[in-house]
Amino acid sequence: MNRLDWTDVLGEEAPAGIAVLDSDLQIALATLLAESQQRQRSQLEAALEAALGHVPRVLRGAVRRVLFP
């Protein structure tokens, strides 16, 4: 198997410890990182929606536009 391009996964070169792993382990690690990032995004989105629940409904659209342009 080919080595992963860690700049796509991490946004930068892989640390030396990752670079020495075999391809299968690198793929498994990249998969775990992608799943973790997705889970984090989902939890953050849920937390933001919960926080917006404290804003009066009439103002929520305006508050979203200010916070997330």
Protein backbone atom coordinates (compact mmCIF):
# COMPACT_ATOMS: atom_id res chain seq x y z
CA MET A 1 0.00 0.00 0.00
CA ASN A 2 1.03 3.57 -0.53
CA ARG A 3 1.91 5.89 2.31
CA LEU A 4 -0.70 8.45 3.24
CA ASP A 5 -0.21 12.11 2.49
CA TRP A 6 -0.49 13.36 6.07
CA THR A 7 -0.70 16.97 4.94
CA ASP A 8 -4.24 16.10 3.78
CA VAL A 9 -5.09 14.50 7.13
CA LEU A 10 -3.30 16.79 9.59
CA GLY A 11 -2.75 19.92 7.54
CA GLU A 12 1.00 19.50 8.01
CA GLU A 13 3.76 16.91 7.72
CA ALA A 14 3.45 13.85 9.91
CA PRO A 15 5.53 13.72 13.07
CA ALA A 16 8.41 11.27 12.88
CA GLY A 17 6.56 8.75 15.05
CA ILE A 18 3.73 8.50 12.54
CA ALA A 19 5.98 8.41 9.51
CA VAL A 20 7.67 5.19 10.71
CA LEU A 21 4.39 3.24 11.04
CA ASP A 22 3.56 0.77 8.32
CA SER A 23 0.85 1.67 5.80
CA ASP A 24 -1.93 -0.34 7.44
CA LEU A 25 -1.38 1.35 10.80
CA GLN A 26 -1.22 4.76 9.15
CA ILE A 27 -4.55 4.12 7.43
CA ALA A 28 -6.12 2.93 10.69
CA LEU A 29 -4.83 6.02 12.50
CA ALA A 30 -6.08 8.33 9.74
CA THR A 31 -9.50 6.66 9.92
CA LEU A 32 -9.66 7.11 13.70
CA LEU A 33 -8.64 10.76 13.35
CA ALA A 34 -11.28 11.42 10.70
CA GLU A 35 -13.99 9.76 12.82
CA SER A 36 -12.89 11.73 15.87
CA GLN A 37 -12.95 15.01 13.96
CA GLN A 38 -16.44 14.26 12.63
CA ARG A 39 -17.68 13.39 16.12
CA GLN A 40 -16.16 16.60 17.48
CA ARG A 41 -17.85 18.68 14.75
CA SER A 42 -21.21 17.04 15.50
CA GLN A 43 -20.89 17.63 19.23
CA LEU A 44 -19.86 21.24 18.70
CA GLU A 45 -22.83 21.82 16.40
CA ALA A 46 -25.19 20.29 18.98
CA ALA A 47 -23.71 22.45 21.74
CA LEU A 48 -24.10 25.59 19.63
CA GLU A 49 -27.72 24.73 18.87
CA ALA A 50 -28.35 24.12 22.57
CA ALA A 51 -26.76 27.48 23.41
CA LEU A 52 -28.93 29.22 20.82
CA GLY A 53 -31.93 27.71 22.59
CA HIS A 54 -31.39 30.38 25.25
CA VAL A 55 -31.81 33.15 22.69
CA PRO A 56 -35.38 34.22 21.99
CA ARG A 57 -36.64 32.44 18.86
CA VAL A 58 -37.29 35.72 17.06
CA LEU A 59 -33.60 36.68 17.36
CA ARG A 60 -31.97 33.33 16.61
CA GLY A 61 -31.57 33.91 12.87
CA ALA A 62 -29.91 37.27 13.44
CA VAL A 63 -27.67 35.85 16.17
CA ARG A 64 -26.61 32.98 13.87
CA ARG A 65 -25.74 35.44 11.10
CA VAL A 66 -23.63 37.53 13.51
CA LEU A 67 -21.83 34.55 15.05
CA PHE A 68 -21.39 32.53 11.85
CA PRO A 69 -20.99 34.90 8.91
